[in-house]
N, C-alpha and C. Protein backbone atom coordinates (compact mmCIF):
# COMPACT_ATOMS: atom_id res chain seq x y z
N MET A 1 10.52 -18.59 6.73
CA MET A 1 9.68 -17.38 6.72
C MET A 1 8.31 -17.70 6.14
N THR A 2 7.26 -17.27 6.81
CA THR A 2 5.91 -17.54 6.33
C THR A 2 5.58 -16.65 5.13
N LEU A 3 4.55 -17.04 4.40
CA LEU A 3 4.11 -16.25 3.24
C LEU A 3 3.70 -14.85 3.66
N ILE A 4 2.97 -14.74 4.79
CA ILE A 4 2.52 -13.43 5.25
C ILE A 4 3.72 -12.54 5.59
N ALA A 5 4.70 -13.11 6.27
CA ALA A 5 5.89 -12.32 6.62
C ALA A 5 6.64 -11.88 5.37
N LEU A 6 6.72 -12.76 4.38
CA LEU A 6 7.40 -12.40 3.13
C LEU A 6 6.68 -11.26 2.43
N LEU A 7 5.36 -11.31 2.39
CA LEU A 7 4.59 -10.24 1.79
C LEU A 7 4.77 -8.93 2.57
N ASP A 8 4.78 -9.03 3.89
CA ASP A 8 4.98 -7.84 4.72
C ASP A 8 6.35 -7.21 4.44
N TYR A 9 7.39 -8.02 4.36
CA TYR A 9 8.72 -7.49 4.07
C TYR A 9 8.76 -6.82 2.71
N ALA A 10 8.15 -7.46 1.72
CA ALA A 10 8.16 -6.89 0.37
C ALA A 10 7.40 -5.56 0.33
N SER A 11 6.23 -5.52 0.98
CA SER A 11 5.45 -4.28 0.97
C SER A 11 6.15 -3.18 1.75
N VAL A 12 6.80 -3.54 2.87
CA VAL A 12 7.55 -2.55 3.65
C VAL A 12 8.66 -1.94 2.80
N PHE A 13 9.40 -2.76 2.09
CA PHE A 13 10.52 -2.27 1.29
C PHE A 13 10.04 -1.35 0.16
N ILE A 14 9.02 -1.80 -0.57
CA ILE A 14 8.58 -1.01 -1.73
C ILE A 14 7.88 0.26 -1.28
N PHE A 15 7.04 0.17 -0.26
CA PHE A 15 6.40 1.39 0.23
C PHE A 15 7.42 2.35 0.82
N ALA A 16 8.47 1.83 1.44
CA ALA A 16 9.53 2.70 1.96
C ALA A 16 10.22 3.44 0.82
N LEU A 17 10.41 2.78 -0.31
CA LEU A 17 10.98 3.45 -1.48
C LEU A 17 10.11 4.61 -1.92
N THR A 18 8.79 4.38 -1.93
CA THR A 18 7.90 5.47 -2.35
C THR A 18 7.94 6.62 -1.35
N GLY A 19 7.98 6.29 -0.07
CA GLY A 19 8.07 7.34 0.94
C GLY A 19 9.34 8.15 0.79
N ALA A 20 10.44 7.48 0.53
CA ALA A 20 11.71 8.17 0.37
C ALA A 20 11.72 9.02 -0.90
N LEU A 21 11.06 8.55 -1.96
CA LEU A 21 10.98 9.34 -3.18
C LEU A 21 10.19 10.63 -2.96
N VAL A 22 9.11 10.53 -2.18
CA VAL A 22 8.36 11.74 -1.83
C VAL A 22 9.26 12.68 -1.01
N ALA A 23 10.04 12.12 -0.10
CA ALA A 23 10.97 12.93 0.70
C ALA A 23 11.99 13.63 -0.19
N SER A 24 12.42 12.95 -1.25
CA SER A 24 13.39 13.56 -2.17
C SER A 24 12.76 14.74 -2.91
N ARG A 25 11.47 14.62 -3.26
CA ARG A 25 10.78 15.72 -3.94
C ARG A 25 10.61 16.91 -3.00
N GLN A 26 10.56 16.62 -1.69
CA GLN A 26 10.43 17.69 -0.69
C GLN A 26 11.79 18.19 -0.20
N GLN A 27 12.88 17.57 -0.71
CA GLN A 27 14.25 17.95 -0.38
C GLN A 27 14.52 17.88 1.13
N LEU A 28 14.13 16.76 1.73
CA LEU A 28 14.37 16.55 3.16
C LEU A 28 15.77 16.02 3.39
N ASP A 29 16.20 16.04 4.67
CA ASP A 29 17.50 15.47 5.00
C ASP A 29 17.36 13.96 5.22
N LEU A 30 18.47 13.30 5.57
CA LEU A 30 18.47 11.85 5.68
C LEU A 30 17.51 11.35 6.76
N VAL A 31 17.44 12.08 7.88
CA VAL A 31 16.51 11.70 8.95
C VAL A 31 15.07 11.82 8.45
N GLY A 32 14.80 12.88 7.70
CA GLY A 32 13.47 13.04 7.12
C GLY A 32 13.13 11.91 6.16
N PHE A 33 14.11 11.50 5.36
CA PHE A 33 13.92 10.36 4.46
C PHE A 33 13.52 9.12 5.25
N ALA A 34 14.28 8.84 6.32
CA ALA A 34 14.02 7.64 7.12
C ALA A 34 12.65 7.70 7.78
N PHE A 35 12.29 8.87 8.30
CA PHE A 35 10.99 9.00 8.97
C PHE A 35 9.84 8.77 8.00
N VAL A 36 9.88 9.43 6.86
CA VAL A 36 8.79 9.29 5.89
C VAL A 36 8.75 7.88 5.32
N ALA A 37 9.91 7.30 5.08
CA ALA A 37 9.96 5.93 4.56
C ALA A 37 9.34 4.95 5.55
N CYS A 38 9.68 5.08 6.83
CA CYS A 38 9.14 4.18 7.85
C CYS A 38 7.64 4.39 8.04
N LEU A 39 7.21 5.64 8.04
CA LEU A 39 5.79 5.94 8.19
C LEU A 39 4.99 5.30 7.06
N THR A 40 5.49 5.45 5.84
CA THR A 40 4.81 4.87 4.68
C THR A 40 4.83 3.36 4.72
N ALA A 41 5.97 2.82 5.12
CA ALA A 41 6.17 1.37 5.06
C ALA A 41 5.34 0.60 6.06
N VAL A 42 5.21 1.11 7.27
CA VAL A 42 4.53 0.33 8.32
C VAL A 42 3.19 0.90 8.73
N GLY A 43 2.81 2.05 8.14
CA GLY A 43 1.56 2.69 8.55
C GLY A 43 0.34 1.81 8.36
N GLY A 44 0.19 1.25 7.17
CA GLY A 44 -0.97 0.42 6.89
C GLY A 44 -1.01 -0.85 7.72
N GLY A 45 0.13 -1.51 7.84
CA GLY A 45 0.20 -2.73 8.64
C GLY A 45 -0.03 -2.49 10.12
N THR A 46 0.40 -1.31 10.59
CA THR A 46 0.18 -0.97 12.00
C THR A 46 -1.31 -0.79 12.29
N VAL A 47 -1.99 -0.04 11.44
CA VAL A 47 -3.43 0.15 11.62
C VAL A 47 -4.15 -1.19 11.54
N ARG A 48 -3.76 -2.02 10.61
CA ARG A 48 -4.34 -3.37 10.48
C ARG A 48 -4.19 -4.17 11.76
N ASP A 49 -2.97 -4.21 12.30
CA ASP A 49 -2.71 -5.03 13.49
C ASP A 49 -3.43 -4.49 14.72
N VAL A 50 -3.50 -3.16 14.83
CA VAL A 50 -4.22 -2.57 15.97
C VAL A 50 -5.70 -2.93 15.89
N LEU A 51 -6.29 -2.81 14.72
CA LEU A 51 -7.72 -3.11 14.56
C LEU A 51 -8.02 -4.59 14.79
N LEU A 52 -7.07 -5.45 14.39
CA LEU A 52 -7.26 -6.89 14.57
C LEU A 52 -6.79 -7.38 15.93
N ASP A 53 -6.29 -6.45 16.76
CA ASP A 53 -5.81 -6.78 18.10
C ASP A 53 -4.68 -7.80 18.06
N ARG A 54 -3.81 -7.67 17.06
CA ARG A 54 -2.61 -8.52 17.00
C ARG A 54 -1.56 -7.92 17.93
N ASN A 55 -1.12 -8.68 18.88
CA ASN A 55 -0.20 -8.17 19.88
C ASN A 55 1.04 -9.07 19.96
N PRO A 56 2.24 -8.51 19.72
CA PRO A 56 2.52 -7.11 19.39
C PRO A 56 2.33 -6.83 17.89
N VAL A 57 2.31 -5.55 17.56
CA VAL A 57 2.25 -5.13 16.16
C VAL A 57 3.45 -5.70 15.41
N PHE A 58 3.28 -6.00 14.13
CA PHE A 58 4.26 -6.79 13.39
C PHE A 58 5.68 -6.23 13.45
N TRP A 59 5.85 -4.91 13.37
CA TRP A 59 7.22 -4.39 13.36
C TRP A 59 7.81 -4.27 14.75
N ILE A 60 6.97 -4.31 15.78
CA ILE A 60 7.48 -4.38 17.15
C ILE A 60 7.93 -5.81 17.46
N ALA A 61 7.18 -6.78 16.97
CA ALA A 61 7.59 -8.18 17.14
C ALA A 61 8.86 -8.48 16.37
N GLN A 62 9.05 -7.81 15.25
CA GLN A 62 10.22 -8.06 14.40
C GLN A 62 10.76 -6.71 13.93
N PRO A 63 11.63 -6.06 14.72
CA PRO A 63 12.14 -4.73 14.38
C PRO A 63 12.92 -4.66 13.07
N SER A 64 13.27 -5.80 12.51
CA SER A 64 14.00 -5.78 11.25
C SER A 64 13.20 -5.11 10.13
N TYR A 65 11.87 -5.05 10.28
CA TYR A 65 11.07 -4.33 9.30
C TYR A 65 11.50 -2.86 9.22
N ILE A 66 11.78 -2.27 10.37
CA ILE A 66 12.22 -0.88 10.40
C ILE A 66 13.59 -0.75 9.74
N GLY A 67 14.44 -1.75 9.96
CA GLY A 67 15.74 -1.75 9.31
C GLY A 67 15.62 -1.80 7.79
N VAL A 68 14.69 -2.59 7.29
CA VAL A 68 14.46 -2.68 5.85
C VAL A 68 14.00 -1.33 5.31
N ALA A 69 13.08 -0.68 6.03
CA ALA A 69 12.57 0.62 5.59
C ALA A 69 13.69 1.67 5.59
N CYS A 70 14.53 1.66 6.61
CA CYS A 70 15.64 2.62 6.67
C CYS A 70 16.66 2.37 5.56
N ALA A 71 16.89 1.10 5.24
CA ALA A 71 17.80 0.77 4.14
C ALA A 71 17.25 1.29 2.82
N ALA A 72 15.95 1.16 2.63
CA ALA A 72 15.33 1.67 1.41
C ALA A 72 15.46 3.20 1.35
N ALA A 73 15.30 3.85 2.51
CA ALA A 73 15.43 5.31 2.55
C ALA A 73 16.85 5.75 2.17
N LEU A 74 17.85 5.04 2.69
CA LEU A 74 19.23 5.36 2.37
C LEU A 74 19.51 5.15 0.88
N LEU A 75 18.97 4.07 0.35
CA LEU A 75 19.16 3.77 -1.08
C LEU A 75 18.62 4.90 -1.94
N VAL A 76 17.43 5.37 -1.63
CA VAL A 76 16.84 6.45 -2.42
C VAL A 76 17.59 7.76 -2.19
N PHE A 77 18.03 8.01 -0.96
CA PHE A 77 18.78 9.23 -0.65
C PHE A 77 20.02 9.34 -1.54
N LEU A 78 20.62 8.19 -1.82
CA LEU A 78 21.86 8.19 -2.62
C LEU A 78 21.61 8.15 -4.12
N THR A 79 20.41 7.75 -4.54
CA THR A 79 20.18 7.52 -5.97
C THR A 79 19.02 8.31 -6.57
N ALA A 80 18.28 9.05 -5.77
CA ALA A 80 17.08 9.74 -6.28
C ALA A 80 17.41 10.68 -7.44
N HIS A 81 18.60 11.25 -7.42
CA HIS A 81 18.97 12.21 -8.47
C HIS A 81 19.09 11.55 -9.84
N LEU A 82 19.14 10.23 -9.87
CA LEU A 82 19.28 9.51 -11.14
C LEU A 82 17.95 9.40 -11.89
N PHE A 83 16.85 9.63 -11.20
CA PHE A 83 15.54 9.49 -11.83
C PHE A 83 15.11 10.83 -12.43
N GLU A 84 14.86 10.84 -13.75
CA GLU A 84 14.46 12.07 -14.41
C GLU A 84 13.08 12.51 -13.93
N SER A 85 12.18 11.56 -13.80
CA SER A 85 10.83 11.89 -13.35
C SER A 85 10.54 11.12 -12.07
N ARG A 86 10.77 11.76 -10.94
CA ARG A 86 10.53 11.07 -9.67
C ARG A 86 9.06 10.81 -9.44
N LEU A 87 8.20 11.69 -9.93
CA LEU A 87 6.76 11.49 -9.74
C LEU A 87 6.29 10.24 -10.47
N LYS A 88 6.74 10.07 -11.72
CA LYS A 88 6.34 8.90 -12.49
C LYS A 88 6.86 7.63 -11.82
N THR A 89 8.12 7.66 -11.37
CA THR A 89 8.70 6.51 -10.68
C THR A 89 7.93 6.22 -9.40
N LEU A 90 7.61 7.27 -8.66
CA LEU A 90 6.87 7.13 -7.42
C LEU A 90 5.52 6.45 -7.66
N ILE A 91 4.79 6.92 -8.65
CA ILE A 91 3.44 6.40 -8.89
C ILE A 91 3.48 4.92 -9.28
N TRP A 92 4.43 4.54 -10.13
CA TRP A 92 4.49 3.13 -10.53
C TRP A 92 5.01 2.24 -9.41
N LEU A 93 6.00 2.73 -8.65
CA LEU A 93 6.45 1.97 -7.49
C LEU A 93 5.31 1.76 -6.50
N ASP A 94 4.53 2.80 -6.31
CA ASP A 94 3.41 2.72 -5.39
C ASP A 94 2.39 1.68 -5.86
N SER A 95 2.22 1.55 -7.16
CA SER A 95 1.28 0.54 -7.66
C SER A 95 1.74 -0.87 -7.33
N PHE A 96 3.06 -1.10 -7.42
CA PHE A 96 3.60 -2.42 -7.05
C PHE A 96 3.46 -2.65 -5.55
N ALA A 97 3.73 -1.59 -4.77
CA ALA A 97 3.59 -1.72 -3.32
C ALA A 97 2.16 -2.06 -2.94
N LEU A 98 1.21 -1.43 -3.60
CA LEU A 98 -0.20 -1.71 -3.33
C LEU A 98 -0.53 -3.16 -3.61
N ALA A 99 0.02 -3.68 -4.73
CA ALA A 99 -0.27 -5.06 -5.12
C ALA A 99 0.38 -6.09 -4.21
N VAL A 100 1.32 -5.66 -3.38
CA VAL A 100 1.93 -6.56 -2.39
C VAL A 100 1.27 -6.38 -1.03
N ALA A 101 0.98 -5.13 -0.66
CA ALA A 101 0.44 -4.86 0.67
C ALA A 101 -0.98 -5.37 0.83
N VAL A 102 -1.79 -5.27 -0.21
CA VAL A 102 -3.18 -5.73 -0.09
C VAL A 102 -3.23 -7.24 0.18
N PRO A 103 -2.50 -8.08 -0.56
CA PRO A 103 -2.49 -9.50 -0.19
C PRO A 103 -1.94 -9.76 1.21
N ALA A 104 -0.97 -8.94 1.65
CA ALA A 104 -0.43 -9.12 3.00
C ALA A 104 -1.50 -8.89 4.05
N GLY A 105 -2.22 -7.79 3.93
CA GLY A 105 -3.29 -7.51 4.89
C GLY A 105 -4.43 -8.50 4.80
N THR A 106 -4.76 -8.87 3.58
CA THR A 106 -5.82 -9.86 3.36
C THR A 106 -5.44 -11.20 3.97
N GLY A 107 -4.19 -11.59 3.76
CA GLY A 107 -3.72 -12.88 4.28
C GLY A 107 -3.73 -12.95 5.79
N VAL A 108 -3.38 -11.84 6.44
CA VAL A 108 -3.41 -11.80 7.91
C VAL A 108 -4.83 -12.01 8.40
N ALA A 109 -5.78 -11.28 7.81
CA ALA A 109 -7.17 -11.40 8.25
C ALA A 109 -7.72 -12.80 7.97
N LEU A 110 -7.37 -13.36 6.83
CA LEU A 110 -7.82 -14.73 6.51
C LEU A 110 -7.25 -15.74 7.50
N SER A 111 -5.97 -15.56 7.87
CA SER A 111 -5.33 -16.50 8.79
C SER A 111 -5.96 -16.46 10.18
N LEU A 112 -6.60 -15.34 10.50
CA LEU A 112 -7.27 -15.19 11.80
C LEU A 112 -8.74 -15.60 11.74
N GLY A 113 -9.17 -16.07 10.58
CA GLY A 113 -10.55 -16.54 10.45
C GLY A 113 -11.59 -15.44 10.47
N GLN A 114 -11.23 -14.26 10.02
CA GLN A 114 -12.16 -13.13 10.03
C GLN A 114 -13.21 -13.29 8.92
N PRO A 115 -14.40 -12.70 9.11
CA PRO A 115 -15.43 -12.76 8.07
C PRO A 115 -15.02 -11.95 6.84
N VAL A 116 -15.73 -12.15 5.75
CA VAL A 116 -15.37 -11.56 4.46
C VAL A 116 -15.23 -10.04 4.54
N LEU A 117 -16.19 -9.37 5.18
CA LEU A 117 -16.15 -7.91 5.25
C LEU A 117 -14.88 -7.42 5.93
N VAL A 118 -14.52 -8.06 7.03
CA VAL A 118 -13.31 -7.66 7.76
C VAL A 118 -12.06 -7.95 6.93
N VAL A 119 -12.04 -9.08 6.26
CA VAL A 119 -10.91 -9.43 5.40
C VAL A 119 -10.70 -8.35 4.34
N VAL A 120 -11.78 -7.97 3.70
CA VAL A 120 -11.70 -6.96 2.63
C VAL A 120 -11.23 -5.62 3.18
N LEU A 121 -11.76 -5.22 4.31
CA LEU A 121 -11.36 -3.94 4.90
C LEU A 121 -9.91 -3.95 5.34
N MET A 122 -9.44 -5.07 5.91
CA MET A 122 -8.05 -5.14 6.36
C MET A 122 -7.09 -5.12 5.18
N GLY A 123 -7.45 -5.78 4.10
CA GLY A 123 -6.62 -5.73 2.90
C GLY A 123 -6.55 -4.32 2.34
N THR A 124 -7.69 -3.65 2.30
CA THR A 124 -7.75 -2.28 1.77
C THR A 124 -6.97 -1.31 2.65
N ILE A 125 -7.15 -1.43 3.96
CA ILE A 125 -6.45 -0.54 4.89
C ILE A 125 -4.95 -0.74 4.81
N THR A 126 -4.51 -1.98 4.77
CA THR A 126 -3.07 -2.26 4.70
C THR A 126 -2.46 -1.65 3.45
N GLY A 127 -3.20 -1.71 2.34
CA GLY A 127 -2.67 -1.18 1.10
C GLY A 127 -2.70 0.33 1.00
N CYS A 128 -3.66 0.96 1.64
CA CYS A 128 -3.89 2.40 1.40
C CYS A 128 -3.42 3.32 2.52
N MET A 129 -3.40 2.85 3.75
CA MET A 129 -3.19 3.76 4.87
C MET A 129 -1.78 4.34 4.93
N GLY A 130 -0.76 3.55 4.60
CA GLY A 130 0.61 4.06 4.65
C GLY A 130 0.83 5.22 3.69
N GLY A 131 0.36 5.06 2.45
CA GLY A 131 0.49 6.14 1.48
C GLY A 131 -0.32 7.36 1.86
N LEU A 132 -1.49 7.13 2.45
CA LEU A 132 -2.32 8.25 2.90
C LEU A 132 -1.61 9.05 4.00
N LEU A 133 -1.03 8.35 4.96
CA LEU A 133 -0.29 9.02 6.03
C LEU A 133 0.90 9.79 5.47
N ARG A 134 1.60 9.18 4.54
CA ARG A 134 2.76 9.83 3.90
C ARG A 134 2.37 11.16 3.28
N ASP A 135 1.31 11.15 2.49
CA ASP A 135 0.92 12.35 1.76
C ASP A 135 0.35 13.42 2.68
N VAL A 136 -0.39 13.01 3.70
CA VAL A 136 -0.95 13.98 4.64
C VAL A 136 0.16 14.66 5.43
N VAL A 137 1.13 13.88 5.92
CA VAL A 137 2.22 14.46 6.71
C VAL A 137 3.03 15.45 5.88
N LEU A 138 3.21 15.17 4.59
CA LEU A 138 4.00 16.05 3.73
C LEU A 138 3.14 17.07 2.98
N ASP A 139 1.88 17.20 3.41
CA ASP A 139 0.99 18.22 2.87
C ASP A 139 0.86 18.12 1.35
N ASP A 140 0.70 16.88 0.88
CA ASP A 140 0.51 16.63 -0.53
C ASP A 140 -0.90 16.08 -0.74
N VAL A 141 -1.41 16.21 -1.96
CA VAL A 141 -2.72 15.62 -2.25
C VAL A 141 -2.58 14.10 -2.17
N PRO A 142 -3.35 13.43 -1.29
CA PRO A 142 -3.19 11.98 -1.14
C PRO A 142 -3.37 11.24 -2.46
N LEU A 143 -2.39 10.40 -2.77
CA LEU A 143 -2.43 9.62 -4.01
C LEU A 143 -3.68 8.75 -4.06
N VAL A 144 -4.12 8.28 -2.89
CA VAL A 144 -5.28 7.38 -2.85
C VAL A 144 -6.57 8.11 -3.22
N LEU A 145 -6.54 9.45 -3.23
CA LEU A 145 -7.76 10.22 -3.50
C LEU A 145 -7.68 11.00 -4.80
N LYS A 146 -6.69 10.70 -5.64
CA LYS A 146 -6.59 11.39 -6.92
C LYS A 146 -7.90 11.21 -7.69
N GLN A 147 -8.32 12.25 -8.34
CA GLN A 147 -9.66 12.33 -8.91
C GLN A 147 -9.99 11.17 -9.85
N GLY A 148 -10.88 10.30 -9.39
CA GLY A 148 -11.40 9.24 -10.23
C GLY A 148 -10.48 8.05 -10.43
N GLU A 149 -9.21 8.13 -10.00
CA GLU A 149 -8.27 7.04 -10.24
C GLU A 149 -8.63 5.80 -9.43
N LEU A 150 -8.30 4.64 -9.98
CA LEU A 150 -8.57 3.39 -9.28
C LEU A 150 -7.42 3.10 -8.34
N TYR A 151 -7.59 3.42 -7.09
CA TYR A 151 -6.58 3.13 -6.06
C TYR A 151 -7.24 2.34 -4.94
N VAL A 152 -8.07 3.02 -4.16
CA VAL A 152 -8.82 2.30 -3.12
C VAL A 152 -9.70 1.23 -3.76
N THR A 153 -10.26 1.55 -4.91
CA THR A 153 -11.10 0.57 -5.62
C THR A 153 -10.29 -0.66 -6.00
N ALA A 154 -9.07 -0.46 -6.47
CA ALA A 154 -8.22 -1.58 -6.84
C ALA A 154 -7.89 -2.45 -5.62
N ALA A 155 -7.59 -1.79 -4.50
CA ALA A 155 -7.30 -2.53 -3.27
C ALA A 155 -8.52 -3.31 -2.80
N PHE A 156 -9.68 -2.66 -2.82
CA PHE A 156 -10.91 -3.30 -2.39
C PHE A 156 -11.24 -4.51 -3.27
N ALA A 157 -11.12 -4.35 -4.59
CA ALA A 157 -11.43 -5.44 -5.51
C ALA A 157 -10.48 -6.62 -5.32
N GLY A 158 -9.20 -6.33 -5.13
CA GLY A 158 -8.23 -7.41 -4.92
C GLY A 158 -8.51 -8.19 -3.65
N ALA A 159 -8.77 -7.46 -2.57
CA ALA A 159 -9.05 -8.12 -1.29
C ALA A 159 -10.35 -8.92 -1.36
N LEU A 160 -11.35 -8.37 -2.01
CA LEU A 160 -12.63 -9.08 -2.14
C LEU A 160 -12.47 -10.36 -2.95
N THR A 161 -11.68 -10.29 -4.01
CA THR A 161 -11.43 -11.48 -4.83
C THR A 161 -10.78 -12.59 -4.00
N ALA A 162 -9.79 -12.22 -3.19
CA ALA A 162 -9.12 -13.22 -2.36
C ALA A 162 -10.06 -13.81 -1.33
N ALA A 163 -10.87 -12.96 -0.70
CA ALA A 163 -11.79 -13.43 0.34
C ALA A 163 -12.81 -14.41 -0.24
N LEU A 164 -13.30 -14.13 -1.44
CA LEU A 164 -14.29 -15.01 -2.07
C LEU A 164 -13.66 -16.28 -2.63
N ALA A 165 -12.39 -16.19 -3.02
CA ALA A 165 -11.73 -17.35 -3.62
C ALA A 165 -11.17 -18.32 -2.58
N ARG A 166 -10.87 -17.82 -1.38
CA ARG A 166 -10.18 -18.64 -0.38
C ARG A 166 -10.88 -19.96 -0.06
N PRO A 167 -12.22 -20.02 0.08
CA PRO A 167 -12.86 -21.30 0.41
C PRO A 167 -12.71 -22.35 -0.69
N HIS A 168 -12.37 -21.93 -1.89
CA HIS A 168 -12.31 -22.86 -3.02
C HIS A 168 -10.90 -23.38 -3.29
N PHE A 169 -9.91 -22.90 -2.53
CA PHE A 169 -8.52 -23.32 -2.76
C PHE A 169 -7.89 -23.76 -1.44
N PRO A 170 -7.42 -25.02 -1.37
CA PRO A 170 -6.77 -25.48 -0.14
C PRO A 170 -5.45 -24.77 0.12
N ASP A 171 -4.80 -24.31 -0.95
CA ASP A 171 -3.52 -23.61 -0.81
C ASP A 171 -3.80 -22.11 -0.70
N ALA A 172 -3.42 -21.51 0.41
CA ALA A 172 -3.69 -20.09 0.64
C ALA A 172 -2.94 -19.19 -0.34
N LEU A 173 -1.89 -19.72 -0.97
CA LEU A 173 -1.09 -18.91 -1.90
C LEU A 173 -1.89 -18.47 -3.11
N VAL A 174 -2.76 -19.33 -3.60
CA VAL A 174 -3.49 -19.04 -4.84
C VAL A 174 -4.38 -17.81 -4.71
N PRO A 175 -5.25 -17.73 -3.69
CA PRO A 175 -6.08 -16.53 -3.56
C PRO A 175 -5.26 -15.25 -3.40
N LEU A 176 -4.14 -15.33 -2.71
CA LEU A 176 -3.33 -14.14 -2.50
C LEU A 176 -2.63 -13.70 -3.79
N MET A 177 -2.24 -14.67 -4.61
CA MET A 177 -1.65 -14.33 -5.91
C MET A 177 -2.71 -13.68 -6.82
N VAL A 178 -3.91 -14.22 -6.78
CA VAL A 178 -5.00 -13.63 -7.56
C VAL A 178 -5.30 -12.22 -7.06
N CYS A 179 -5.27 -12.05 -5.75
CA CYS A 179 -5.47 -10.74 -5.14
C CYS A 179 -4.45 -9.74 -5.66
N ALA A 180 -3.19 -10.13 -5.66
CA ALA A 180 -2.13 -9.25 -6.16
C ALA A 180 -2.35 -8.91 -7.63
N GLY A 181 -2.72 -9.91 -8.43
CA GLY A 181 -2.93 -9.69 -9.85
C GLY A 181 -4.08 -8.74 -10.13
N VAL A 182 -5.20 -8.93 -9.44
CA VAL A 182 -6.37 -8.06 -9.65
C VAL A 182 -6.05 -6.64 -9.20
N THR A 183 -5.42 -6.52 -8.04
CA THR A 183 -5.09 -5.19 -7.51
C THR A 183 -4.18 -4.43 -8.48
N TRP A 184 -3.12 -5.07 -8.92
CA TRP A 184 -2.17 -4.37 -9.79
C TRP A 184 -2.76 -4.11 -11.18
N ALA A 185 -3.53 -5.05 -11.70
CA ALA A 185 -4.12 -4.87 -13.03
C ALA A 185 -5.03 -3.64 -13.05
N LEU A 186 -5.84 -3.48 -12.01
CA LEU A 186 -6.75 -2.33 -11.96
C LEU A 186 -5.98 -1.03 -11.77
N ARG A 187 -4.99 -1.06 -10.89
CA ARG A 187 -4.20 0.17 -10.65
C ARG A 187 -3.38 0.53 -11.88
N ALA A 188 -2.75 -0.45 -12.50
CA ALA A 188 -1.96 -0.19 -13.70
C ALA A 188 -2.85 0.27 -14.85
N GLY A 189 -4.03 -0.31 -14.96
CA GLY A 189 -4.95 0.12 -15.99
C GLY A 189 -5.37 1.57 -15.81
N SER A 190 -5.53 1.98 -14.57
CA SER A 190 -5.88 3.36 -14.28
C SER A 190 -4.74 4.30 -14.69
N LEU A 191 -3.50 3.87 -14.45
CA LEU A 191 -2.35 4.71 -14.77
C LEU A 191 -2.04 4.74 -16.26
N ALA A 192 -2.05 3.56 -16.87
CA ALA A 192 -1.61 3.46 -18.27
C ALA A 192 -2.73 3.69 -19.28
N LEU A 193 -3.93 3.29 -18.93
CA LEU A 193 -5.03 3.33 -19.89
C LEU A 193 -6.10 4.35 -19.53
N GLY A 194 -5.93 5.02 -18.40
CA GLY A 194 -6.86 6.06 -18.03
C GLY A 194 -8.17 5.57 -17.45
N TRP A 195 -8.20 4.34 -16.93
CA TRP A 195 -9.43 3.84 -16.31
C TRP A 195 -9.79 4.75 -15.13
N ARG A 196 -11.05 5.14 -15.06
CA ARG A 196 -11.49 6.06 -14.02
C ARG A 196 -12.88 5.68 -13.53
N LEU A 197 -13.18 6.11 -12.32
CA LEU A 197 -14.54 6.05 -11.82
C LEU A 197 -15.23 7.38 -12.11
N PRO A 198 -16.54 7.38 -12.25
CA PRO A 198 -17.23 8.66 -12.44
C PRO A 198 -17.01 9.55 -11.22
N VAL A 199 -16.83 10.83 -11.44
CA VAL A 199 -16.64 11.77 -10.35
C VAL A 199 -17.81 12.74 -10.31
N TYR A 200 -18.10 13.22 -9.13
CA TYR A 200 -19.20 14.17 -8.96
C TYR A 200 -18.77 15.54 -9.48
N LYS A 201 -19.63 16.18 -10.26
CA LYS A 201 -19.38 17.53 -10.74
C LYS A 201 -20.56 18.41 -10.32
N SER A 202 -20.22 19.47 -9.61
CA SER A 202 -21.29 20.34 -9.12
C SER A 202 -21.98 21.06 -10.27
N ARG A 203 -23.23 21.34 -10.07
CA ARG A 203 -24.01 22.06 -11.07
C ARG A 203 -24.61 23.31 -10.43
N PRO A 204 -24.72 24.36 -11.20
CA PRO A 204 -25.32 25.58 -10.63
C PRO A 204 -26.77 25.32 -10.25
N PRO A 205 -27.23 25.94 -9.19
CA PRO A 205 -28.63 25.73 -8.78
C PRO A 205 -29.59 26.22 -9.85
N ARG A 206 -30.72 25.55 -9.92
CA ARG A 206 -31.73 25.96 -10.88
C ARG A 206 -32.34 27.31 -10.48
N GLY A 207 -32.53 28.12 -11.48
CA GLY A 207 -33.07 29.44 -11.21
C GLY A 207 -34.56 29.40 -10.87
């Protein structure tokens, strides 16, 4: 199994867990769990592959990705009641998923010889799009747009770090590990330490 495939499997599984946890908060049935888990798990990678014209899309070439997502959905369906705070579990699981998905998307773009801007965008899209689709479909405030939190910023910074580091390392693993570390450190710092970006606050018009 290639490094990119391993990262894709890991991100699919963890993102599927987050999708299923959101489904549990919405009290959906098992089919709903599977649908939301799969949407979350493969959404970002699907958009990435379509934009990069990878044919076929990764989960069509290897349907076992869908099996992994469905297994994660079943696991959460049977165990979600054990978590006292599903929201807290969801948010931290999502941070780990982000730190895996961003290197996966970044690695795909790097392997195709894409320029730095495209590499960074593909890493960011892979990390953020699945969760965005999940929250929009379930009519929830998208986690990626929570006020001032470092989410898209964390994904962007991780992907940019990998893209800039890749020419300096013969082993592709090193930049992707650094990417994962930067992405998770920023996201975890936002959650645990309150790191935020400045937000716009409207002001009354001058009289």
